[in-house]
Protein backbone atom coordinates (compact mmCIF):
# COMPACT_ATOMS: atom_id res chain seq x y z
CA MET A 1 -115.99 48.58 88.18
CA GLU A 2 -119.12 46.50 88.95
CA MET A 3 -118.43 44.75 92.27
CA PRO A 4 -119.05 40.94 92.93
CA LYS A 5 -123.41 40.94 93.97
CA LEU A 6 -122.63 38.43 97.42
CA HIS A 7 -119.90 40.79 98.02
CA ILE A 8 -122.10 43.95 97.97
CA SER A 9 -124.61 42.33 100.85
CA LEU A 10 -121.86 41.88 103.25
CA LEU A 11 -120.45 45.27 102.82
CA VAL A 12 -124.49 46.13 102.98
CA LEU A 13 -124.75 45.37 106.39
CA VAL A 14 -121.48 46.20 107.35
CA TYR A 15 -122.18 50.00 106.02
CA ALA A 16 -125.63 49.39 107.58
CA LEU A 17 -124.08 48.85 110.68
CA GLY A 18 -122.66 52.34 110.25
CA PHE A 19 -125.47 54.00 109.56
CA ILE A 20 -127.64 52.73 113.02
CA SER A 21 -124.85 53.60 114.77
CA SER A 22 -125.74 57.57 113.90
CA SER A 23 -128.58 56.98 116.17
CA LYS A 24 -128.47 58.42 119.35
CA PHE A 25 -131.20 55.88 120.88
CA GLY A 26 -132.00 52.36 119.81
CA CYS A 27 -135.29 51.08 117.93
CA GLY A 28 -137.75 51.24 121.33
CA SER A 29 -141.39 52.03 121.27
CA LEU A 30 -142.49 55.74 120.19
CA ASP A 31 -145.26 55.72 122.90
CA GLY A 32 -144.94 58.98 125.83
CA GLY A 33 -142.89 60.88 123.38
CA TYR A 34 -139.64 60.91 125.50
CA TRP A 35 -137.80 58.78 122.22
CA ASN A 36 -136.78 61.59 119.69
CA ARG A 37 -138.57 59.83 116.50
CA SER A 38 -135.90 61.53 113.79
CA PHE A 39 -133.28 59.08 116.15
CA ILE A 40 -136.09 56.27 115.69
CA GLU A 41 -136.69 56.49 112.06
CA SER A 42 -132.55 56.88 111.29
CA GLU A 43 -131.93 53.56 112.45
CA LYS A 44 -134.95 51.72 111.26
CA GLN A 45 -134.18 53.65 108.09
CA ALA A 46 -130.92 52.26 108.41
CA LEU A 47 -132.16 48.75 108.05
CA LEU A 48 -134.89 49.42 105.93
CA LEU A 49 -132.14 50.11 103.38
CA LEU A 50 -130.31 46.67 104.10
CA LYS A 51 -133.21 44.98 103.13
CA LYS A 52 -133.97 46.79 100.73
CA ASN A 53 -130.52 46.30 99.16
CA LEU A 54 -130.97 42.69 99.29
CA VAL A 55 -132.54 39.08 97.93
CA ASP A 56 -134.24 37.68 100.30
CA GLU A 57 -135.84 34.22 98.41
CA PHE A 58 -137.07 32.44 101.34
CA ARG A 59 -138.88 35.34 103.38
CA TYR A 60 -136.33 35.61 105.89
CA LEU A 61 -136.66 39.19 106.50
CA SER A 62 -140.59 39.67 106.25
CA SER A 63 -140.32 40.75 109.56
CA TRP A 64 -139.06 43.78 109.11
CA VAL A 65 -142.03 45.77 108.90
CA GLY A 66 -143.50 48.46 111.23
CA ASP A 67 -141.59 50.78 114.02
CA ASP A 68 -139.90 48.36 116.33
CA CYS A 69 -136.99 47.19 114.47
CA CYS A 70 -135.86 45.13 117.94
CA ALA A 71 -139.04 42.86 117.15
CA TRP A 72 -137.59 41.83 114.19
CA HIS A 73 -136.84 38.97 113.09
CA GLY A 74 -132.58 38.29 113.73
CA ILE A 75 -132.37 42.01 115.26
CA GLY A 76 -132.18 41.91 119.45
CA CYS A 77 -131.84 45.09 121.25
CA ASN A 78 -130.70 45.60 124.83
CA LYS A 79 -133.82 45.95 127.10
CA ARG A 80 -132.44 48.66 129.00
CA THR A 81 -131.15 51.32 126.31
CA ASN A 82 -133.40 49.65 122.93
CA HIS A 83 -129.29 49.19 121.41
CA VAL A 84 -129.33 47.14 118.72
CA ILE A 85 -126.54 44.85 120.23
CA LYS A 86 -127.11 41.49 118.26
CA VAL A 87 -127.48 41.15 114.11
CA ASP A 88 -127.67 36.87 113.18
CA PRO A 89 -129.54 36.36 109.26
CA ARG A 90 -128.35 33.21 109.54
CA ASN A 91 -128.93 30.29 107.25
CA CYS A 92 -131.11 33.17 104.96
CA THR A 93 -129.31 33.28 101.51
CA LEU A 94 -129.28 36.50 101.08
CA ARG A 95 -127.51 38.33 97.58
CA GLY A 96 -126.84 41.79 97.03
CA ASP A 97 -128.25 43.13 94.18
CA GLN A 98 -127.68 46.91 93.91
CA ILE A 99 -125.80 48.87 96.39
CA ASN A 100 -127.27 52.94 97.73
CA SER A 101 -125.29 54.94 96.23
CA SER A 102 -125.44 56.72 99.95
CA LEU A 103 -123.77 53.53 101.49
CA LEU A 104 -121.22 54.49 99.81
CA ASN A 105 -120.22 58.00 101.37
CA LEU A 106 -117.18 58.27 103.14
CA LYS A 107 -118.81 59.53 105.97
CA TYR A 108 -120.17 55.83 106.85
CA PHE A 109 -116.44 54.69 107.36
CA LYS A 110 -116.57 57.53 110.53
CA ILE A 111 -119.71 56.80 111.56
CA PHE A 112 -118.66 52.96 111.96
CA GLY A 113 -116.55 53.48 114.34
CA SER A 114 -119.15 54.49 117.13
CA PHE A 115 -121.37 51.13 116.43
CA ARG A 116 -120.13 49.73 120.05
CA ASP A 117 -123.14 48.61 121.59
CA LEU A 118 -123.27 44.78 118.98
CA LYS A 119 -122.40 41.84 120.79
CA TYR A 120 -123.69 39.10 118.52
CA LEU A 121 -123.11 38.57 114.75
CA ASN A 122 -123.91 35.80 112.73
CA LEU A 123 -123.63 35.71 109.29
CA SER A 124 -123.16 32.05 108.41
CA TYR A 125 -124.64 30.22 105.48
CA ALA A 126 -124.93 33.55 103.83
CA ASN A 127 -123.41 33.18 100.77
CA PHE A 128 -121.82 36.70 100.88
CA GLU A 129 -118.13 36.43 98.89
CA GLY A 130 -115.14 38.83 98.12
CA LEU A 131 -113.11 40.35 101.32
CA VAL A 132 -114.37 40.27 104.81
CA PRO A 133 -114.57 44.62 106.03
CA HIS A 134 -111.62 45.32 108.48
CA HIS A 135 -114.47 47.58 110.01
CA LEU A 136 -115.97 44.67 111.86
CA GLY A 137 -113.14 45.39 114.09
CA ASN A 138 -114.20 48.56 115.28
CA LEU A 139 -116.95 46.65 116.97
CA SER A 140 -115.21 46.50 120.24
CA SER A 141 -118.60 45.09 122.39
CA LEU A 142 -118.30 41.88 119.88
CA ARG A 143 -118.08 38.69 122.01
CA TYR A 144 -119.78 36.59 119.48
CA LEU A 145 -118.44 36.94 115.51
CA ASP A 146 -119.68 33.66 113.11
CA LEU A 147 -118.79 33.89 109.45
CA LYS A 148 -118.48 30.23 108.51
CA ASP A 149 -120.10 28.38 105.57
CA ASN A 150 -119.46 31.24 103.39
CA SER A 151 -116.77 29.94 100.67
CA LEU A 152 -116.22 32.75 98.86
CA LEU A 153 -115.29 34.93 101.25
CA SER A 154 -111.85 35.71 102.15
CA ILE A 155 -109.43 37.29 104.99
CA ASP A 156 -106.00 39.73 103.67
CA ARG A 157 -105.08 40.03 106.89
CA MET A 158 -106.56 39.67 110.27
CA GLY A 159 -104.33 42.21 112.46
CA TRP A 160 -108.65 43.81 113.11
CA LEU A 161 -109.00 40.63 115.36
CA PRO A 162 -107.50 41.66 118.38
CA LYS A 163 -109.23 45.27 118.36
CA LEU A 164 -112.60 43.06 119.28
CA SER A 165 -111.65 42.63 123.02
CA MET A 166 -114.64 41.72 124.22
CA LEU A 167 -114.27 38.73 121.92
CA GLY A 168 -115.16 34.81 123.13
CA HIS A 169 -116.32 33.50 120.02
CA LEU A 170 -115.17 32.77 117.02
CA ASP A 171 -116.14 30.70 113.55
CA LEU A 172 -114.57 31.76 110.29
CA SER A 173 -114.82 28.02 109.20
CA PHE A 174 -114.13 27.64 105.03
CA VAL A 175 -113.64 30.99 104.84
CA ASN A 176 -109.49 31.80 102.48
CA ILE A 177 -107.28 33.10 105.20
CA SER A 178 -105.06 31.74 102.87
CA ARG A 179 -103.79 35.36 102.70
CA ALA A 180 -103.67 36.45 106.17
CA THR A 181 -99.58 36.09 107.25
CA ASP A 182 -100.62 37.80 109.81
CA TRP A 183 -103.53 34.76 111.64
CA PHE A 184 -100.40 33.53 114.31
CA SER A 185 -100.18 36.82 115.69
CA ALA A 186 -103.55 37.68 115.45
CA ILE A 187 -104.24 35.05 117.13
CA ASN A 188 -101.31 35.52 119.90
CA MET A 189 -103.48 38.89 120.98
CA PHE A 190 -106.37 37.59 121.76
CA PRO A 191 -107.69 37.79 125.35
CA SER A 192 -107.18 35.28 127.86
CA SER A 193 -110.85 35.21 128.74
CA PHE A 194 -111.74 33.59 124.67
CA LEU A 195 -113.12 30.11 124.36
CA VAL A 196 -114.22 28.94 120.74
CA LEU A 197 -112.04 29.31 117.76
CA LYS A 198 -112.65 26.99 115.30
CA LEU A 199 -110.62 27.53 111.34
CA HIS A 200 -111.89 24.76 110.27
CA ALA A 201 -111.09 24.56 105.90
CA CYS A 202 -109.78 27.97 106.06
CA LYS A 203 -106.41 27.07 104.11
CA ILE A 204 -104.73 28.90 107.03
CA PRO A 205 -101.00 29.28 105.88
CA ASN A 206 -97.47 27.93 107.08
CA ILE A 207 -96.10 30.57 108.43
CA ILE A 208 -95.19 31.22 111.35
CA PRO A 209 -92.75 33.24 113.46
CA GLN A 210 -89.28 31.76 114.32
CA HIS A 211 -88.90 33.34 117.52
CA LEU A 212 -92.73 31.31 119.16
CA PRO A 213 -94.34 34.08 121.71
CA ILE A 214 -96.13 32.34 124.58
CA ILE A 215 -99.92 31.99 123.82
CA ILE A 216 -101.76 32.95 126.89
CA LEU A 217 -105.24 31.38 125.93
CA THR A 218 -106.14 29.99 129.73
CA SER A 219 -109.55 30.00 129.33
CA LEU A 220 -109.85 28.09 125.37
CA LEU A 221 -112.09 25.14 126.02
CA SER A 222 -112.65 24.42 122.27
CA LEU A 223 -109.81 25.03 119.18
CA ASP A 224 -110.98 23.32 115.49
CA LEU A 225 -108.33 23.58 112.83
CA ALA A 226 -109.26 20.42 111.43
CA SER A 227 -109.15 19.92 107.10
CA ASN A 228 -106.28 22.83 106.98
CA VAL A 229 -102.55 21.88 105.95
CA LEU A 230 -100.45 22.88 108.44
CA LEU A 231 -97.24 20.86 107.77
CA SER A 232 -95.07 21.71 110.84
CA PHE A 233 -97.59 21.20 113.89
CA PRO A 234 -95.06 19.16 116.32
CA LEU A 235 -93.13 21.94 115.78
CA TRP A 236 -95.04 25.08 117.03
CA ILE A 237 -97.39 23.49 119.07
CA PHE A 238 -95.90 21.40 121.50
CA ASN A 239 -92.53 20.15 120.41
CA ASN A 240 -90.60 23.12 122.09
CA SER A 241 -89.96 24.32 125.78
CA ALA A 242 -91.63 27.50 124.34
CA LEU A 243 -94.28 25.65 123.50
CA GLU A 244 -94.52 23.63 126.49
CA LEU A 245 -96.14 27.01 128.16
CA LEU A 246 -99.00 26.75 125.73
CA SER A 247 -99.94 23.55 126.27
CA LEU A 248 -99.95 23.77 129.83
CA ALA A 249 -101.79 27.17 129.67
CA LEU A 250 -104.25 24.69 127.53
CA THR A 251 -105.41 23.47 130.41
CA ALA A 252 -109.44 24.14 129.91
CA LEU A 253 -109.45 22.95 127.04
CA SER A 254 -112.09 20.67 125.93
CA GLU A 255 -111.99 19.71 122.44
CA LEU A 256 -108.96 19.54 120.10
CA ASP A 257 -109.76 18.88 116.44
CA LEU A 258 -106.99 18.33 114.25
CA GLN A 259 -107.61 16.29 112.03
CA GLY A 260 -107.70 15.96 107.73
CA ASN A 261 -104.09 18.33 108.30
CA ASN A 262 -100.49 16.82 107.28
CA PHE A 263 -98.67 16.52 110.28
CA GLU A 264 -96.28 14.06 110.69
CA GLY A 265 -94.13 13.04 113.35
CA LEU A 266 -94.66 11.63 117.13
CA ILE A 267 -97.83 12.93 119.17
CA PRO A 268 -96.64 15.18 121.77
CA HIS A 269 -96.07 14.41 124.89
CA PHE A 270 -97.00 17.16 126.16
CA ILE A 271 -100.39 16.52 124.93
CA GLY A 272 -100.24 14.69 128.13
CA ASN A 273 -101.27 18.54 129.59
CA LEU A 274 -104.19 19.17 128.66
CA THR A 275 -106.20 17.32 131.20
CA SER A 276 -109.57 18.86 130.60
CA LEU A 277 -110.14 17.06 126.77
CA SER A 278 -113.16 15.75 126.37
CA ARG A 279 -112.88 15.53 122.27
CA LEU A 280 -109.60 14.89 120.85
CA GLN A 281 -109.69 14.62 116.89
CA LEU A 282 -106.04 13.81 115.40
CA SER A 283 -106.52 11.58 112.21
CA ALA A 284 -105.91 11.77 108.88
CA ASN A 285 -102.87 12.99 109.23
CA LYS A 286 -99.69 11.45 109.31
CA LEU A 287 -98.50 10.73 112.58
CA ASN A 288 -96.05 7.83 113.63
CA ASP A 289 -94.38 6.38 115.81
CA SER A 290 -96.32 4.89 119.25
CA ILE A 291 -99.30 7.05 121.34
CA PRO A 292 -97.13 8.65 124.05
CA PRO A 293 -98.10 7.18 127.66
CA GLU A 294 -98.88 10.77 128.83
CA MET A 295 -102.42 10.45 126.96
CA GLY A 296 -103.42 8.27 129.95
CA ASN A 297 -103.73 11.35 132.08
CA LEU A 298 -106.40 12.58 129.58
CA THR A 299 -109.03 11.22 131.98
CA LYS A 300 -111.92 13.36 130.80
CA LEU A 301 -111.38 11.69 128.17
CA THR A 302 -114.75 10.46 126.04
CA ASN A 303 -113.99 10.91 122.12
CA LEU A 304 -110.28 9.97 120.93
CA TYR A 305 -110.26 9.79 116.87
CA ILE A 306 -106.68 8.77 116.24
CA SER A 307 -107.39 6.49 112.53
CA LEU A 308 -105.36 7.17 109.36
CA ASN A 309 -102.37 7.84 110.73
CA GLU A 310 -98.73 5.85 110.70
CA LEU A 311 -99.53 4.89 114.47
CA ARG A 312 -97.88 1.85 115.29
CA GLY A 313 -96.50 0.09 118.81
CA CYS A 314 -98.40 -2.94 120.78
CA LEU A 315 -101.35 -2.39 121.66
CA PRO A 316 -101.12 -4.42 125.45
CA GLU A 317 -98.78 -1.32 126.58
CA LEU A 318 -100.91 0.95 124.38
CA PHE A 319 -104.36 -0.20 126.65
CA CYS A 320 -102.11 0.22 129.68
CA GLU A 321 -102.60 3.99 129.51
CA LEU A 322 -105.57 4.19 127.46
CA SER A 323 -107.54 1.82 130.72
CA LYS A 324 -107.30 4.94 132.64
CA LEU A 325 -109.47 6.75 130.21
CA GLU A 326 -112.68 5.40 132.33
CA TRP A 327 -115.16 7.80 131.20
CA LEU A 328 -113.86 6.78 127.06
CA GLU A 329 -116.76 6.31 124.87
CA VAL A 330 -115.54 6.01 121.05
CA LEU A 331 -112.15 4.88 120.51
CA TYR A 332 -111.26 5.14 117.02
CA LEU A 333 -107.79 2.97 115.96
CA SER A 334 -108.52 1.68 112.10
CA ASN A 335 -105.45 2.49 109.51
CA ASN A 336 -102.68 2.55 111.63
CA ASN A 337 -100.50 -0.07 112.41
CA PHE A 338 -100.61 -1.78 115.71
CA SER A 339 -99.73 -5.03 116.43
CA GLY A 340 -100.62 -7.39 118.88
CA GLU A 341 -103.33 -9.05 121.01
CA LEU A 342 -106.25 -6.97 122.45
CA PRO A 343 -105.68 -6.53 126.06
CA LEU A 344 -108.26 -8.13 128.62
CA CYS A 345 -107.27 -4.46 130.87
CA LEU A 346 -109.57 -3.25 127.37
CA VAL A 347 -113.00 -4.17 129.87
CA ASN A 348 -112.03 -1.63 131.83
CA LEU A 349 -112.99 0.52 129.62
CA ALA A 350 -117.00 -0.14 130.89
CA LYS A 351 -118.06 3.17 129.25
CA LEU A 352 -117.20 2.28 125.80
CA ARG A 353 -119.61 2.79 122.97
CA ASN A 354 -118.03 2.60 119.71
CA PHE A 355 -114.58 0.93 119.05
CA ALA A 356 -112.73 0.07 115.70
CA VAL A 357 -109.78 -1.43 114.95
CA MET A 358 -109.87 -2.55 111.47
CA ASN A 359 -107.13 -2.22 109.09
CA ASN A 360 -104.40 -3.08 111.18
CA ASN A 361 -102.37 -6.77 112.51
CA VAL A 362 -104.32 -7.38 115.25
CA PHE A 363 -104.07 -11.03 116.16
CA GLY A 364 -105.37 -14.05 118.09
CA LYS A 365 -108.56 -14.83 119.79
CA ILE A 366 -111.23 -12.05 120.38
CA LEU A 367 -111.92 -11.90 124.47
CA VAL A 368 -114.34 -13.03 125.93
CA SER A 369 -114.62 -10.63 128.28
CA LEU A 370 -115.45 -8.02 126.14
CA GLY A 371 -118.87 -8.99 126.49
CA SER A 372 -118.71 -7.67 129.55
CA LEU A 373 -118.92 -4.04 128.15
CA GLU A 374 -122.49 -4.14 128.38
CA ASN A 375 -122.94 -0.51 126.27
CA LEU A 376 -121.40 -1.14 122.99
CA ILE A 377 -123.03 -0.69 119.53
CA TYR A 378 -120.80 -0.81 116.53
CA LEU A 379 -117.28 -2.93 117.15
CA ASN A 380 -114.97 -2.98 114.01
CA LEU A 381 -112.45 -5.21 114.12
CA PHE A 382 -112.35 -5.71 110.31
CA ASN A 383 -109.31 -6.89 108.35
CA ASN A 384 -107.44 -8.49 110.91
CA ASN A 385 -105.88 -11.48 111.97
CA PHE A 386 -108.56 -12.79 114.21
CA GLN A 387 -108.38 -16.34 114.85
CA GLY A 388 -110.79 -19.03 116.68
CA LYS A 389 -114.81 -18.19 117.67
CA LEU A 390 -116.81 -15.32 118.36
CA PRO A 391 -117.33 -16.33 122.52
CA LEU A 392 -121.08 -16.52 123.70
CA SER A 393 -120.59 -14.15 125.54
CA PHE A 394 -121.17 -11.46 122.68
CA GLN A 395 -125.01 -12.82 123.41
CA ASN A 396 -124.61 -10.01 125.97
CA LEU A 397 -124.26 -7.43 124.22
CA THR A 398 -128.02 -6.14 124.16
CA LYS A 399 -127.00 -2.82 122.92
CA LEU A 400 -124.79 -3.89 120.06
CA VAL A 401 -125.77 -3.05 116.51
CA ILE A 402 -123.50 -3.76 114.57
CA ILE A 403 -119.92 -6.03 114.70
CA ASP A 404 -117.59 -5.95 111.08
CA VAL A 405 -115.47 -9.00 111.64
CA ARG A 406 -114.83 -9.56 107.66
CA LYS A 407 -111.26 -10.69 107.08
CA ASN A 408 -110.25 -12.06 109.67
CA ASN A 409 -109.18 -16.15 110.19
CA LEU A 410 -112.01 -16.83 112.52
CA SER A 411 -114.76 -19.96 112.56
CA ASP A 412 -118.72 -20.48 113.43
CA ILE A 413 -118.92 -16.47 113.33
CA LEU A 414 -122.38 -16.43 114.86
CA PRO A 415 -122.46 -17.48 118.32
CA PRO A 416 -125.22 -20.69 119.18
CA GLY A 417 -128.08 -18.97 119.57
CA SER A 418 -127.92 -15.80 117.91
CA GLU A 419 -130.19 -14.00 115.80
CA ARG A 420 -127.75 -10.49 115.26
CA SER A 421 -126.65 -10.31 111.86
CA TYR A 422 -122.96 -10.14 111.60
CA LEU A 423 -121.21 -7.97 109.02
CA ILE A 424 -118.92 -11.61 108.14
């Protein structure tokens, strides 16, 4: 059976890494006679075999010549042992052509398990397709694995991932994991020192264990689950006693991106325990009711996105909590059901650069004190029920580039003396 061309390129790489592992020494200098040339040749020839079996349209691999493979583009070596520890052909759009039959010999499956030194593997944007080989789980020293934007790649099982006990960064964005029903249990076995997990648009299956274990990723800094269809978000992340321990354990988390799912119900109050968050993205879901007061605990937050939901509540009450977020620079509340007037405490957000509350039910006069938000660049009040005039104080907003006040009940849109263009 003919194998898919793009899939072959990933398999070639996997088997070539196994071939490299059979060498006792790395790709160092040949001077001095101490190194055994046959070992060096076997390592170099493995990489050359990989190059031979790939189509390199943009000559990304043109540097793969000469004896010192440690100097080749995308290859990194340990300075002490000269072992290959990094393979990084990112953005090179490699395509498999014809695979050398010797690479398919079963002995390379055994050899692959001995390749222990590789720490960094970046295969992003490479147009691979087919299944991700489970043998990647044998790279026990791997700390960084990036397979993102290989949209024709898929993973059928993720049980091999916890074998990477040193792993700290995993990016599978746009890789199809819809068949990996063990994804949740695999993540639960990651080392507690794990830092970055990105599963953006991965078609994550909605299969969660009935009895949830406690997740102990106490060092996690960035979690991206955006653009999936995780219908049960409120249930398995925050909304029971066992998972209270989950949210408490994630106190190091600085970025959380959950936009573009179908999460329904309340924003869980346990989110207030994520006290290191600087960026929170919850847009484009079906979250309803009001914003929990515990969100005021996120005092390090700089970016908050909750647009395109079904949230409601009175803005003065909301801002009593949000005004505590003195580092906030970006606040998007658009396309919800918020009502009431803009409260005076909004001016406590002195670092605010972008503020959008379009398509809500906000009414009343536009605050004169908004003119004191001197860092404001973007202000969107489109399609609300504001009345009166734009205050003269807006002339103080010297950094303001865009303001949209269309579909309101405003008169005399431009303040006297203003030379700025407004969307009206």
